């Protein structure tokens, strides 16, 4: 069990290292002259023919000339809101937040460990450990019928004993027969 916990923690650590946030890579082409009236993605001001525009992943974005360096340092900061975020659009897929992915993987790992622990418990029980009293199947009726062969309680509408299979004479009709 200790070996399994160590392996689980090491695999989780490996997943965290692999999924460390990496900045998205963009296909940036330009600069080219901006058109009069285009909106700057950095300051939302109006650009003119002296400003620049860039093609980022196939979309055109205008930037005022003084803010060009700021835009190129982190273009994702300014263009994220203009990118489609649904699978119905073609192009690059939108990345899921690593937080959700890690939470899902942690939940999956927890379920696997719980399942393994439950399996080990069942194996220990089936290896000769006594079954707790009160877990045997009992009829859900206020007037059970006793089997003459094995003396077990059965439902009053039973035609055969649920334990030994001996034929019984039903004292009441079953709900299925009444319908």
C-alpha atoms as a PDB file:
ATOM      1  CA  UNK A   1       0.000   0.000   0.000  1.00  0.00           C
ATOM      2  CA  UNK A   2       2.853   2.376   0.825  1.00  0.00           C
ATOM      3  CA  UNK A   3       4.515   1.601  -2.511  1.00  0.00           C
ATOM      4  CA  UNK A   4       1.260   2.423  -4.312  1.00  0.00           C
ATOM      5  CA  UNK A   5       0.934   5.792  -2.547  1.00  0.00           C
ATOM      6  CA  UNK A   6       4.507   6.689  -3.467  1.00  0.00           C
ATOM      7  CA  UNK A   7       3.913   5.757  -7.108  1.00  0.00           C
ATOM      8  CA  UNK A   8       0.698   7.805  -7.177  1.00  0.00           C
ATOM      9  CA  UNK A   9       2.423  10.870  -5.740  1.00  0.00           C
ATOM     10  CA  UNK A  10       5.325  10.574  -8.175  1.00  0.00           C
ATOM     11  CA  UNK A  11       2.975  10.236 -11.155  1.00  0.00           C
ATOM     12  CA  UNK A  12       0.987  13.263  -9.978  1.00  0.00           C
ATOM     13  CA  UNK A  13       4.199  15.263  -9.646  1.00  0.00           C
ATOM     14  CA  UNK A  14       5.168  14.253 -13.179  1.00  0.00           C
ATOM     15  CA  UNK A  15       1.811  15.386 -14.520  1.00  0.00           C
ATOM     16  CA  UNK A  16       2.150  18.751 -12.795  1.00  0.00           C
ATOM     17  CA  UNK A  17       5.600  19.276 -14.302  1.00  0.00           C
ATOM     18  CA  UNK A  18       4.414  18.306 -17.787  1.00  0.00           C
ATOM     19  CA  UNK A  19       1.413  20.598 -17.635  1.00  0.00           C
ATOM     20  CA  UNK A  20       3.240  23.690 -16.447  1.00  0.00           C
ATOM     21  CA  UNK A  21       1.793  26.767 -18.111  1.00  0.00           C
ATOM     22  CA  UNK A  22       3.550  27.524 -21.354  1.00  0.00           C
ATOM     23  CA  UNK A  23       2.740  30.688 -23.269  1.00  0.00           C
ATOM     24  CA  UNK A  24       0.854  29.974 -26.502  1.00  0.00           C
ATOM     25  CA  UNK A  25       2.850  30.345 -29.700  1.00  0.00           C
ATOM     26  CA  UNK A  26       1.385  32.559 -32.401  1.00  0.00           C
ATOM     27  CA  UNK A  27       2.070  32.939 -36.104  1.00  0.00           C
ATOM     28  CA  UNK A  28       2.732  36.703 -36.226  1.00  0.00           C
ATOM     29  CA  UNK A  29       3.228  38.406 -39.592  1.00  0.00           C
ATOM     30  CA  UNK A  30       3.849  42.072 -40.108  1.00  0.00           C
ATOM     31  CA  UNK A  31       4.126  44.921 -39.513  1.00  0.00           C
ATOM     32  CA  UNK A  32       1.953  46.401 -42.228  1.00  0.00           C
ATOM     33  CA  UNK A  33       0.293  49.819 -42.373  1.00  0.00           C
ATOM     34  CA  UNK A  34      -2.888  50.189 -40.369  1.00  0.00           C
ATOM     35  CA  UNK A  35      -6.035  51.460 -42.059  1.00  0.00           C
ATOM     36  CA  UNK A  36      -7.609  54.726 -40.991  1.00  0.00           C
ATOM     37  CA  UNK A  37     -10.288  54.099 -38.345  1.00  0.00           C
ATOM     38  CA  UNK A  38      -9.100  50.660 -37.156  1.00  0.00           C
ATOM     39  CA  UNK A  39      -9.204  50.183 -33.379  1.00  0.00           C
ATOM     40  CA  UNK A  40      -5.973  49.596 -31.470  1.00  0.00           C
ATOM     41  CA  UNK A  41      -6.139  46.333 -29.514  1.00  0.00           C
ATOM     42  CA  UNK A  42      -3.939  47.736 -26.728  1.00  0.00           C
ATOM     43  CA  UNK A  43      -5.607  51.088 -25.918  1.00  0.00           C
ATOM     44  CA  UNK A  44      -8.848  50.896 -27.991  1.00  0.00           C
ATOM     45  CA  UNK A  45      -7.983  54.215 -29.626  1.00  0.00           C
ATOM     46  CA  UNK A  46      -8.464  54.955 -33.334  1.00  0.00           C
ATOM     47  CA  UNK A  47      -5.491  54.152 -35.571  1.00  0.00           C
ATOM     48  CA  UNK A  48      -4.480  56.005 -38.722  1.00  0.00           C
ATOM     49  CA  UNK A  49      -2.178  55.258 -41.678  1.00  0.00           C
ATOM     50  CA  UNK A  50       0.948  56.003 -39.542  1.00  0.00           C
ATOM     51  CA  UNK A  51       0.195  53.124 -37.161  1.00  0.00           C
ATOM     52  CA  UNK A  52       0.851  49.409 -37.759  1.00  0.00           C
ATOM     53  CA  UNK A  53      -1.142  46.201 -38.032  1.00  0.00           C
ATOM     54  CA  UNK A  54      -0.121  42.560 -37.542  1.00  0.00           C
ATOM     55  CA  UNK A  55      -1.614  39.318 -38.775  1.00  0.00           C
ATOM     56  CA  UNK A  56      -1.766  36.978 -35.761  1.00  0.00           C
ATOM     57  CA  UNK A  57      -2.888  33.448 -36.547  1.00  0.00           C
ATOM     58  CA  UNK A  58      -4.740  34.742 -39.598  1.00  0.00           C
ATOM     59  CA  UNK A  59      -6.528  37.636 -37.871  1.00  0.00           C
ATOM     60  CA  UNK A  60      -5.619  41.284 -38.421  1.00  0.00           C
ATOM     61  CA  UNK A  61      -4.919  43.447 -35.340  1.00  0.00           C
ATOM     62  CA  UNK A  62      -4.134  47.162 -35.464  1.00  0.00           C
ATOM     63  CA  UNK A  63      -1.741  48.709 -32.942  1.00  0.00           C
ATOM     64  CA  UNK A  64      -0.742  52.315 -32.397  1.00  0.00           C
ATOM     65  CA  UNK A  65       2.925  52.804 -33.243  1.00  0.00           C
ATOM     66  CA  UNK A  66       4.016  53.801 -29.674  1.00  0.00           C
ATOM     67  CA  UNK A  67       2.378  50.650 -28.237  1.00  0.00           C
ATOM     68  CA  UNK A  68       3.902  48.224 -30.754  1.00  0.00           C
ATOM     69  CA  UNK A  69       6.597  46.848 -28.393  1.00  0.00           C
ATOM     70  CA  UNK A  70       4.055  46.289 -25.618  1.00  0.00           C
ATOM     71  CA  UNK A  71       1.804  44.352 -28.009  1.00  0.00           C
ATOM     72  CA  UNK A  72       4.654  42.172 -29.290  1.00  0.00           C
ATOM     73  CA  UNK A  73       5.827  41.268 -25.756  1.00  0.00           C
ATOM     74  CA  UNK A  74       2.535  39.523 -24.945  1.00  0.00           C
ATOM     75  CA  UNK A  75       0.116  39.457 -27.894  1.00  0.00           C
ATOM     76  CA  UNK A  76      -2.112  36.858 -26.227  1.00  0.00           C
ATOM     77  CA  UNK A  77      -2.976  39.373 -23.502  1.00  0.00           C
ATOM     78  CA  UNK A  78      -4.553  41.669 -26.113  1.00  0.00           C
ATOM     79  CA  UNK A  79      -6.029  39.268 -28.667  1.00  0.00           C
ATOM     80  CA  UNK A  80      -7.530  36.608 -26.364  1.00  0.00           C
ATOM     81  CA  UNK A  81     -10.970  38.244 -26.379  1.00  0.00           C
ATOM     82  CA  UNK A  82     -11.066  38.290 -30.198  1.00  0.00           C
ATOM     83  CA  UNK A  83     -10.351  34.595 -30.627  1.00  0.00           C
ATOM     84  CA  UNK A  84     -13.247  32.170 -31.133  1.00  0.00           C
ATOM     85  CA  UNK A  85     -13.717  29.939 -28.116  1.00  0.00           C
ATOM     86  CA  UNK A  86     -15.921  27.204 -29.481  1.00  0.00           C
ATOM     87  CA  UNK A  87     -15.251  23.955 -31.275  1.00  0.00           C
ATOM     88  CA  UNK A  88     -17.615  24.997 -34.059  1.00  0.00           C
ATOM     89  CA  UNK A  89     -15.020  27.429 -35.392  1.00  0.00           C
ATOM     90  CA  UNK A  90     -12.183  26.099 -37.472  1.00  0.00           C
ATOM     91  CA  UNK A  91      -8.581  26.788 -36.676  1.00  0.00           C
ATOM     92  CA  UNK A  92      -6.611  26.293 -33.508  1.00  0.00           C
ATOM     93  CA  UNK A  93      -8.416  24.671 -30.636  1.00  0.00           C
ATOM     94  CA  UNK A  94      -8.896  26.634 -27.456  1.00  0.00           C
ATOM     95  CA  UNK A  95      -6.752  25.286 -24.631  1.00  0.00           C
ATOM     96  CA  UNK A  96      -8.464  24.125 -21.504  1.00  0.00           C
ATOM     97  CA  UNK A  97      -7.160  25.641 -18.316  1.00  0.00           C
ATOM     98  CA  UNK A  98      -4.555  23.401 -16.705  1.00  0.00           C
ATOM     99  CA  UNK A  99      -6.312  23.891 -13.381  1.00  0.00           C
ATOM    100  CA  UNK A 100      -9.363  21.977 -14.617  1.00  0.00           C
ATOM    101  CA  UNK A 101      -7.195  19.296 -16.151  1.00  0.00           C
ATOM    102  CA  UNK A 102      -5.207  18.830 -12.940  1.00  0.00           C
ATOM    103  CA  UNK A 103      -8.387  18.750 -10.852  1.00  0.00           C
ATOM    104  CA  UNK A 104      -9.825  16.056 -13.135  1.00  0.00           C
ATOM    105  CA  UNK A 105      -6.647  13.999 -13.016  1.00  0.00           C
ATOM    106  CA  UNK A 106      -6.481  14.301  -9.248  1.00  0.00           C
ATOM    107  CA  UNK A 107     -10.103  13.151  -8.993  1.00  0.00           C
ATOM    108  CA  UNK A 108      -9.391  10.222 -11.299  1.00  0.00           C
ATOM    109  CA  UNK A 109      -6.320   9.247  -9.282  1.00  0.00           C
ATOM    110  CA  UNK A 110      -8.333   9.456  -6.053  1.00  0.00           C
ATOM    111  CA  UNK A 111     -11.049   7.211  -7.497  1.00  0.00           C
ATOM    112  CA  UNK A 112      -8.465   4.682  -8.660  1.00  0.00           C
ATOM    113  CA  UNK A 113      -6.835   4.542  -5.233  1.00  0.00           C
ATOM    114  CA  UNK A 114     -10.247   4.205  -3.525  1.00  0.00           C
ATOM    115  CA  UNK A 115     -11.205   1.399  -5.916  1.00  0.00           C
ATOM    116  CA  UNK A 116      -7.952  -0.413  -5.273  1.00  0.00           C
ATOM    117  CA  UNK A 117      -8.409  -0.053  -1.499  1.00  0.00           C
ATOM    118  CA  UNK A 118     -11.972  -1.384  -1.734  1.00  0.00           C
ATOM    119  CA  UNK A 119     -10.738  -4.318  -3.830  1.00  0.00           C
ATOM    120  CA  UNK A 120      -8.101  -5.145  -1.218  1.00  0.00           C
ATOM    121  CA  UNK A 121     -10.743  -5.009   1.503  1.00  0.00           C
ATOM    122  CA  UNK A 122     -12.996  -7.418  -0.423  1.00  0.00           C
ATOM    123  CA  UNK A 123     -10.083  -9.788  -0.927  1.00  0.00           C
ATOM    124  CA  UNK A 124      -9.359  -9.781   2.810  1.00  0.00           C
ATOM    125  CA  UNK A 125     -13.033 -10.434   3.612  1.00  0.00           C
ATOM    126  CA  UNK A 126     -13.320 -13.314   1.145  1.00  0.00           C
ATOM    127  CA  UNK A 127     -10.180 -14.941   2.549  1.00  0.00           C
ATOM    128  CA  UNK A 128     -12.029 -16.284   5.582  1.00  0.00           C
ATOM    129  CA  UNK A 129     -13.047 -13.196   7.502  1.00  0.00           C
ATOM    130  CA  UNK A 130     -16.542 -13.549   8.947  1.00  0.00           C
ATOM    131  CA  UNK A 131     -19.446 -11.735   7.310  1.00  0.00           C
ATOM    132  CA  UNK A 132     -21.030  -9.272   9.742  1.00  0.00           C
ATOM    133  CA  UNK A 133     -24.314 -10.433  11.255  1.00  0.00           C
ATOM    134  CA  UNK A 134     -27.496  -9.074   9.717  1.00  0.00           C
ATOM    135  CA  UNK A 135     -26.266  -8.996   6.122  1.00  0.00           C
ATOM    136  CA  UNK A 136     -28.112 -12.165   5.026  1.00  0.00           C
ATOM    137  CA  UNK A 137     -31.134 -11.734   2.735  1.00  0.00           C
ATOM    138  CA  UNK A 138     -34.370 -11.764   4.697  1.00  0.00           C
ATOM    139  CA  UNK A 139     -37.890 -11.574   3.298  1.00  0.00           C
ATOM    140  CA  UNK A 140     -39.479  -8.138   3.395  1.00  0.00           C
ATOM    141  CA  UNK A 141     -42.843  -9.184   4.771  1.00  0.00           C
ATOM    142  CA  UNK A 142     -44.577  -9.133   8.115  1.00  0.00           C
ATOM    143  CA  UNK A 143     -45.798 -12.774   7.819  1.00  0.00           C
ATOM    144  CA  UNK A 144     -42.970 -14.852   6.329  1.00  0.00           C
ATOM    145  CA  UNK A 145     -43.558 -18.503   5.336  1.00  0.00           C
ATOM    146  CA  UNK A 146     -41.076 -21.067   6.695  1.00  0.00           C
ATOM    147  CA  UNK A 147     -39.579 -23.668   4.369  1.00  0.00           C
ATOM    148  CA  UNK A 148     -40.330 -27.199   5.651  1.00  0.00           C
ATOM    149  CA  UNK A 149     -36.967 -28.486   4.336  1.00  0.00           C
ATOM    150  CA  UNK A 150     -34.485 -25.883   5.634  1.00  0.00           C
ATOM    151  CA  UNK A 151     -36.595 -23.750   8.025  1.00  0.00           C
ATOM    152  CA  UNK A 152     -35.625 -20.475   6.283  1.00  0.00           C
ATOM    153  CA  UNK A 153     -38.074 -17.585   5.981  1.00  0.00           C
ATOM    154  CA  UNK A 154     -39.554 -16.908   2.526  1.00  0.00           C
ATOM    155  CA  UNK A 155     -42.081 -14.500   1.082  1.00  0.00           C
ATOM    156  CA  UNK A 156     -45.652 -15.819   1.524  1.00  0.00           C
ATOM    157  CA  UNK A 157     -46.228 -15.816  -2.273  1.00  0.00           C
ATOM    158  CA  UNK A 158     -43.020 -17.781  -3.051  1.00  0.00           C
ATOM    159  CA  UNK A 159     -43.425 -21.025  -5.013  1.00  0.00           C
ATOM    160  CA  UNK A 160     -39.883 -22.204  -4.192  1.00  0.00           C
ATOM    161  CA  UNK A 161     -37.556 -21.630  -1.224  1.00  0.00           C
ATOM    162  CA  UNK A 162     -35.046 -18.846  -1.910  1.00  0.00           C
ATOM    163  CA  UNK A 163     -32.359 -20.815  -0.065  1.00  0.00           C
ATOM    164  CA  UNK A 164     -32.711 -24.528  -0.882  1.00  0.00           C
ATOM    165  CA  UNK A 165     -35.162 -24.463  -3.828  1.00  0.00           C
ATOM    166  CA  UNK A 166     -37.757 -26.821  -2.271  1.00  0.00           C
ATOM    167  CA  UNK A 167     -41.322 -26.394  -3.564  1.00  0.00           C
ATOM    168  CA  UNK A 168     -43.602 -24.283  -1.331  1.00  0.00           C
ATOM    169  CA  UNK A 169     -47.345 -23.716  -1.262  1.00  0.00           C
ATOM    170  CA  UNK A 170     -47.996 -19.955  -1.526  1.00  0.00           C
ATOM    171  CA  UNK A 171     -50.384 -18.660   1.148  1.00  0.00           C
ATOM    172  CA  UNK A 172     -51.183 -15.462  -0.798  1.00  0.00           C
ATOM    173  CA  UNK A 173     -51.172 -14.580  -4.497  1.00  0.00           C
ATOM    174  CA  UNK A 174     -48.283 -12.470  -5.791  1.00  0.00           C
ATOM    175  CA  UNK A 175     -48.780  -8.909  -6.976  1.00  0.00           C
ATOM    176  CA  UNK A 176     -47.890 -10.029 -10.509  1.00  0.00           C
ATOM    177  CA  UNK A 177     -50.723 -12.582 -10.533  1.00  0.00           C
ATOM    178  CA  UNK A 178     -53.178  -9.945  -9.317  1.00  0.00           C
ATOM    179  CA  UNK A 179     -52.516  -7.601 -12.244  1.00  0.00           C
END
